[in-house]
Protein backbone atom coordinates (compact mmCIF):
# COMPACT_ATOMS: atom_id res chain seq x y z
CA MET A 1 3.25 -157.08 -117.60
CA GLN A 2 6.72 -158.53 -117.71
CA LYS A 3 10.04 -157.31 -116.36
CA ALA A 4 13.10 -157.14 -118.59
CA LEU A 5 16.85 -156.72 -118.59
CA PHE A 6 18.34 -154.92 -121.57
CA LEU A 7 22.04 -155.33 -122.20
CA ASP A 8 24.54 -153.56 -124.38
CA ARG A 9 26.69 -156.04 -126.29
CA ASP A 10 30.32 -154.96 -126.72
CA GLY A 11 31.95 -154.26 -123.36
CA VAL A 12 29.06 -155.78 -121.40
CA ILE A 13 28.27 -159.25 -122.77
CA ASN A 14 31.54 -159.67 -124.63
CA SER A 15 35.00 -158.23 -124.22
CA ASP A 16 35.94 -155.37 -126.47
CA GLU A 17 39.57 -155.30 -125.36
CA GLY A 18 41.91 -154.91 -128.30
CA HIS A 19 39.10 -154.43 -130.83
CA TYR A 20 36.98 -151.37 -131.46
CA TYR A 21 34.62 -153.33 -133.69
CA ILE A 22 33.67 -156.90 -132.83
CA TYR A 23 32.22 -158.70 -135.84
CA LYS A 24 34.21 -161.94 -136.15
CA THR A 25 33.38 -164.99 -134.04
CA GLU A 26 37.10 -165.58 -133.41
CA ASP A 27 37.29 -162.15 -131.72
CA PHE A 28 34.14 -162.75 -129.65
CA LYS A 29 34.92 -163.56 -126.00
CA ILE A 30 32.14 -163.61 -123.41
CA ASN A 31 32.95 -161.57 -120.32
CA GLU A 32 33.45 -163.16 -116.94
CA GLY A 33 30.23 -163.55 -114.98
CA ILE A 34 27.84 -163.23 -117.92
CA ILE A 35 26.63 -166.85 -117.97
CA PRO A 36 25.78 -167.20 -114.24
CA SER A 37 24.40 -163.64 -114.11
CA LEU A 38 22.03 -164.15 -117.02
CA GLN A 39 20.98 -167.55 -115.67
CA LYS A 40 20.09 -165.93 -112.33
CA ILE A 41 18.22 -163.05 -113.99
CA SER A 42 16.30 -165.47 -116.22
CA GLU A 43 15.36 -167.66 -113.27
CA ALA A 44 14.03 -164.52 -111.53
CA GLY A 45 11.61 -164.04 -114.43
CA TYR A 46 13.31 -161.32 -116.45
CA ILE A 47 13.11 -161.34 -120.23
CA LEU A 48 16.49 -160.63 -121.84
CA PHE A 49 17.16 -158.21 -124.69
CA ILE A 50 20.31 -156.93 -126.35
CA VAL A 51 20.43 -153.38 -127.72
CA THR A 52 23.63 -152.55 -129.56
CA ASN A 53 24.99 -149.88 -131.89
CA GLN A 54 26.83 -151.42 -134.83
CA GLY A 55 28.08 -148.34 -136.66
CA GLY A 56 30.79 -150.33 -138.42
CA ILE A 57 28.09 -151.44 -140.87
CA ALA A 58 27.46 -147.86 -142.02
CA LYS A 59 31.20 -147.28 -142.22
CA GLY A 60 31.62 -150.33 -144.48
CA ILE A 61 33.93 -152.12 -142.01
CA TYR A 62 31.62 -155.14 -141.79
CA SER A 63 28.18 -156.18 -143.02
CA GLU A 64 24.79 -156.86 -141.47
CA SER A 65 25.43 -160.48 -142.39
CA ASP A 66 28.62 -160.44 -140.27
CA VAL A 67 26.57 -159.14 -137.32
CA GLU A 68 23.86 -161.77 -137.84
CA ILE A 69 26.47 -164.56 -137.95
CA LEU A 70 28.00 -163.28 -134.72
CA HIS A 71 24.60 -163.01 -133.06
CA LYS A 72 23.71 -166.54 -134.12
CA HIS A 73 26.96 -167.70 -132.51
CA LEU A 74 26.18 -165.76 -129.31
CA LEU A 75 22.65 -167.15 -129.09
CA SER A 76 23.98 -170.69 -129.58
CA VAL A 77 26.50 -170.28 -126.75
CA LEU A 78 23.86 -168.85 -124.41
CA GLU A 79 21.17 -171.41 -125.29
CA LYS A 80 23.56 -174.23 -124.33
CA LYS A 81 23.43 -172.70 -120.84
CA ASN A 82 19.62 -172.31 -120.90
CA ILE A 83 19.80 -168.56 -121.45
CA TYR A 84 17.39 -167.21 -124.04
CA ILE A 85 17.56 -163.74 -125.52
CA LYS A 86 14.09 -162.63 -126.58
CA GLN A 87 15.34 -160.17 -129.21
CA ILE A 88 18.57 -158.58 -130.36
CA TYR A 89 18.16 -155.05 -131.66
CA PHE A 90 21.04 -153.47 -133.51
CA CYS A 91 21.44 -150.09 -135.13
CA PRO A 92 23.48 -150.33 -138.36
CA HIS A 93 23.84 -146.55 -138.67
CA HIS A 94 26.51 -144.10 -137.59
CA GLU A 95 26.00 -140.41 -136.86
CA SER A 96 29.07 -139.47 -138.92
CA ILE A 97 27.26 -140.73 -142.03
CA ALA A 98 23.56 -140.09 -141.39
CA LYS A 99 21.21 -139.45 -138.49
CA CYS A 100 18.73 -142.15 -137.54
CA ASP A 101 16.06 -142.82 -134.93
CA CYS A 102 17.48 -146.07 -133.58
CA ARG A 103 21.09 -145.37 -132.52
CA LYS A 104 21.59 -145.10 -128.77
CA PRO A 105 21.25 -142.76 -126.92
CA SER A 106 17.88 -142.93 -128.68
CA PRO A 107 15.45 -145.06 -126.66
CA PHE A 108 13.86 -146.32 -129.92
CA PHE A 109 14.64 -150.04 -129.54
CA ILE A 110 13.97 -150.14 -125.80
CA LYS A 111 10.60 -148.46 -126.30
CA LYS A 112 9.85 -150.86 -129.16
CA ALA A 113 10.54 -153.86 -126.92
CA ILE A 114 8.44 -152.37 -124.12
CA ALA A 115 5.50 -152.00 -126.51
CA ASP A 116 5.96 -155.26 -128.44
CA PHE A 117 6.51 -157.52 -125.43
CA ASN A 118 4.29 -155.89 -122.77
CA ILE A 119 7.23 -154.88 -120.57
CA ASP A 120 6.77 -153.07 -117.27
CA ALA A 121 9.32 -150.25 -117.57
CA SER A 122 9.21 -149.60 -113.80
CA LYS A 123 10.57 -153.11 -113.15
CA SER A 124 13.13 -153.16 -115.97
CA TYR A 125 16.81 -152.32 -116.31
CA MET A 126 19.54 -151.61 -118.84
CA ILE A 127 23.18 -152.51 -118.19
CA GLY A 128 25.65 -150.62 -120.34
CA ASP A 129 29.21 -149.41 -120.36
CA SER A 130 28.60 -146.08 -122.09
CA PRO A 131 26.75 -142.93 -121.05
CA ARG A 132 24.61 -143.32 -124.21
CA ASP A 133 23.32 -146.69 -122.87
CA ILE A 134 22.16 -145.04 -119.67
CA GLN A 135 20.67 -142.07 -121.56
CA ALA A 136 18.67 -144.49 -123.74
CA ALA A 137 17.45 -146.38 -120.67
CA GLU A 138 16.36 -143.26 -118.83
CA ALA A 139 14.65 -141.84 -121.94
CA ALA A 140 12.69 -145.09 -122.20
CA GLY A 141 11.68 -144.94 -118.53
CA ILE A 142 13.81 -147.84 -117.26
CA LYS A 143 16.66 -147.87 -114.76
CA GLY A 144 20.14 -147.63 -116.25
CA ILE A 145 23.16 -149.29 -114.64
CA LYS A 146 26.51 -147.97 -115.84
CA ILE A 147 29.43 -150.38 -115.56
CA LYS A 148 33.08 -150.18 -116.52
CA SER A 149 33.83 -151.75 -119.88
CA ASN A 150 34.18 -155.55 -119.50
CA GLU A 151 33.23 -155.46 -115.80
CA ASN A 152 31.69 -158.57 -114.27
CA ILE A 153 27.96 -157.77 -113.98
CA SER A 154 27.15 -160.40 -111.34
CA ILE A 155 26.97 -157.94 -108.43
CA TYR A 156 24.44 -155.80 -110.33
CA CYS A 157 22.34 -158.79 -111.34
CA ASP A 158 22.30 -159.98 -107.71
CA GLN A 159 21.10 -156.52 -106.65
CA ILE A 160 18.40 -156.50 -109.34
CA VAL A 161 17.08 -159.90 -108.24
CA LYS A 162 17.11 -158.83 -104.56
CA GLY A 163 15.31 -155.57 -105.42
CA GLU A 164 18.20 -153.49 -104.13
CA ILE A 165 18.56 -151.29 -107.22
């Protein structure tokens, strides 16, 4: 079985300062510490996943195509630094429009990754900046690490690698 690190996108991987919805590449700024942190985690044998709510799709603010273009951009930036995201899961729904099974705090996508990629939940983590990220992690049986929005995650990744969390 493999160990994994799940990450929320907006406010964890990229800055969400000044924008509630991030869907344009020109608004996409990677947070400080992400590149070295994910390199270290990858070198320690963790598989990387992104799990993100993208309710702006349901609200008609942007499209799934906008999200896919942004994710392609993100993957390109990370791959240039030898960081590979195994899968990006995004929920296009919003609870104000319709209920779904995949929007965090639902553990749906984390559980799907655990099953699809033979992940050892006891050795896996989720880093998020919202209580719903941590609720999803705990409901899926992995450890949740709550950070402040746009906080540098390097200290947490160091602790994960050292087995201190």
